[in-house]
């Protein structure tokens, strides 16, 4: 365990490699990338009246309700 406050999560190897590649291409750490994603999903779910959102990974414009499916299907 690296330091206090860190936790291990279990994900597929392919997903982990994809996350590392995406984070590296955006010059972020995996932690920063995941935090951005979680914030995007939280905002999307908390304000569904807006209707549209932009994926922070690839920049595509899509319906807010479809963002979680897009992240799984496209970026994992």
C-alpha atoms as a PDB file:
ATOM      1  CA  UNK A   1       0.000   0.000   0.000  1.00  0.00           C
ATOM      2  CA  UNK A   2       1.673   3.267  -1.086  1.00  0.00           C
ATOM      3  CA  UNK A   3       0.546   5.629   1.674  1.00  0.00           C
ATOM      4  CA  UNK A   4      -2.281   6.141   4.112  1.00  0.00           C
ATOM      5  CA  UNK A   5      -5.518   7.119   2.426  1.00  0.00           C
ATOM      6  CA  UNK A   6      -5.065   4.935  -0.658  1.00  0.00           C
ATOM      7  CA  UNK A   7      -7.308   2.028  -1.515  1.00  0.00           C
ATOM      8  CA  UNK A   8      -7.105  -0.814  -3.986  1.00  0.00           C
ATOM      9  CA  UNK A   9      -9.905  -1.436  -6.439  1.00  0.00           C
ATOM     10  CA  UNK A  10     -10.323  -4.482  -8.612  1.00  0.00           C
ATOM     11  CA  UNK A  11     -10.807  -3.864 -12.325  1.00  0.00           C
ATOM     12  CA  UNK A  12     -10.010  -5.802 -15.465  1.00  0.00           C
ATOM     13  CA  UNK A  13      -6.464  -5.562 -16.802  1.00  0.00           C
ATOM     14  CA  UNK A  14      -7.670  -4.145 -20.119  1.00  0.00           C
ATOM     15  CA  UNK A  15      -9.567  -1.401 -18.288  1.00  0.00           C
ATOM     16  CA  UNK A  16      -6.528  -0.565 -16.156  1.00  0.00           C
ATOM     17  CA  UNK A  17      -4.272  -0.319 -19.211  1.00  0.00           C
ATOM     18  CA  UNK A  18      -6.818   1.858 -21.012  1.00  0.00           C
ATOM     19  CA  UNK A  19      -7.118   4.176 -18.003  1.00  0.00           C
ATOM     20  CA  UNK A  20      -3.332   4.491 -17.798  1.00  0.00           C
ATOM     21  CA  UNK A  21      -3.079   5.275 -21.530  1.00  0.00           C
ATOM     22  CA  UNK A  22      -5.847   7.882 -21.399  1.00  0.00           C
ATOM     23  CA  UNK A  23      -4.367   9.490 -18.280  1.00  0.00           C
ATOM     24  CA  UNK A  24      -0.887   9.569 -19.830  1.00  0.00           C
ATOM     25  CA  UNK A  25      -2.184  11.092 -23.080  1.00  0.00           C
ATOM     26  CA  UNK A  26      -3.870  13.872 -21.081  1.00  0.00           C
ATOM     27  CA  UNK A  27      -0.826  14.289 -18.832  1.00  0.00           C
ATOM     28  CA  UNK A  28      -2.827  13.316 -15.737  1.00  0.00           C
ATOM     29  CA  UNK A  29      -2.461  10.693 -13.085  1.00  0.00           C
ATOM     30  CA  UNK A  30      -4.989   7.869 -13.050  1.00  0.00           C
ATOM     31  CA  UNK A  31      -6.366   9.336  -9.823  1.00  0.00           C
ATOM     32  CA  UNK A  32      -6.932  12.739 -11.449  1.00  0.00           C
ATOM     33  CA  UNK A  33      -8.571  11.136 -14.477  1.00  0.00           C
ATOM     34  CA  UNK A  34     -10.942   9.084 -12.323  1.00  0.00           C
ATOM     35  CA  UNK A  35     -11.811  12.136 -10.233  1.00  0.00           C
ATOM     36  CA  UNK A  36     -12.674  14.092 -13.400  1.00  0.00           C
ATOM     37  CA  UNK A  37     -14.851  11.233 -14.581  1.00  0.00           C
ATOM     38  CA  UNK A  38     -16.615  10.927 -11.228  1.00  0.00           C
ATOM     39  CA  UNK A  39     -17.268  14.664 -11.110  1.00  0.00           C
ATOM     40  CA  UNK A  40     -18.644  14.556 -14.669  1.00  0.00           C
ATOM     41  CA  UNK A  41     -20.960  11.666 -13.820  1.00  0.00           C
ATOM     42  CA  UNK A  42     -22.061  13.303 -10.561  1.00  0.00           C
ATOM     43  CA  UNK A  43     -22.853  16.592 -12.293  1.00  0.00           C
ATOM     44  CA  UNK A  44     -24.649  14.732 -15.072  1.00  0.00           C
ATOM     45  CA  UNK A  45     -26.821  12.799 -12.644  1.00  0.00           C
ATOM     46  CA  UNK A  46     -27.494  15.774 -10.413  1.00  0.00           C
ATOM     47  CA  UNK A  47     -28.610  18.062 -13.246  1.00  0.00           C
ATOM     48  CA  UNK A  48     -30.366  15.898 -15.854  1.00  0.00           C
ATOM     49  CA  UNK A  49     -32.487  18.857 -16.980  1.00  0.00           C
ATOM     50  CA  UNK A  50     -29.589  20.180 -19.084  1.00  0.00           C
ATOM     51  CA  UNK A  51     -30.002  17.225 -21.434  1.00  0.00           C
ATOM     52  CA  UNK A  52     -26.567  17.356 -23.068  1.00  0.00           C
ATOM     53  CA  UNK A  53     -23.010  17.009 -21.838  1.00  0.00           C
ATOM     54  CA  UNK A  54     -19.530  16.672 -23.294  1.00  0.00           C
ATOM     55  CA  UNK A  55     -17.296  13.673 -22.607  1.00  0.00           C
ATOM     56  CA  UNK A  56     -14.123  14.953 -20.959  1.00  0.00           C
ATOM     57  CA  UNK A  57     -12.106  12.102 -22.424  1.00  0.00           C
ATOM     58  CA  UNK A  58     -12.908  12.382 -26.147  1.00  0.00           C
ATOM     59  CA  UNK A  59     -14.896  15.626 -26.384  1.00  0.00           C
ATOM     60  CA  UNK A  60     -17.992  14.134 -28.012  1.00  0.00           C
ATOM     61  CA  UNK A  61     -21.355  15.760 -27.244  1.00  0.00           C
ATOM     62  CA  UNK A  62     -23.981  13.301 -26.031  1.00  0.00           C
ATOM     63  CA  UNK A  63     -27.117  13.086 -23.949  1.00  0.00           C
ATOM     64  CA  UNK A  64     -26.382  13.309 -20.242  1.00  0.00           C
ATOM     65  CA  UNK A  65     -28.218  10.083 -19.461  1.00  0.00           C
ATOM     66  CA  UNK A  66     -25.971   8.195 -21.933  1.00  0.00           C
ATOM     67  CA  UNK A  67     -22.634   9.345 -20.491  1.00  0.00           C
ATOM     68  CA  UNK A  68     -22.051   6.347 -18.164  1.00  0.00           C
ATOM     69  CA  UNK A  69     -22.758   3.871 -20.999  1.00  0.00           C
ATOM     70  CA  UNK A  70     -20.509   5.850 -23.355  1.00  0.00           C
ATOM     71  CA  UNK A  71     -17.636   5.757 -20.855  1.00  0.00           C
ATOM     72  CA  UNK A  72     -17.931   1.997 -20.437  1.00  0.00           C
ATOM     73  CA  UNK A  73     -18.398   1.120 -24.104  1.00  0.00           C
ATOM     74  CA  UNK A  74     -15.977   3.607 -25.647  1.00  0.00           C
ATOM     75  CA  UNK A  75     -13.250   4.160 -23.082  1.00  0.00           C
ATOM     76  CA  UNK A  76     -12.823   0.767 -21.436  1.00  0.00           C
END
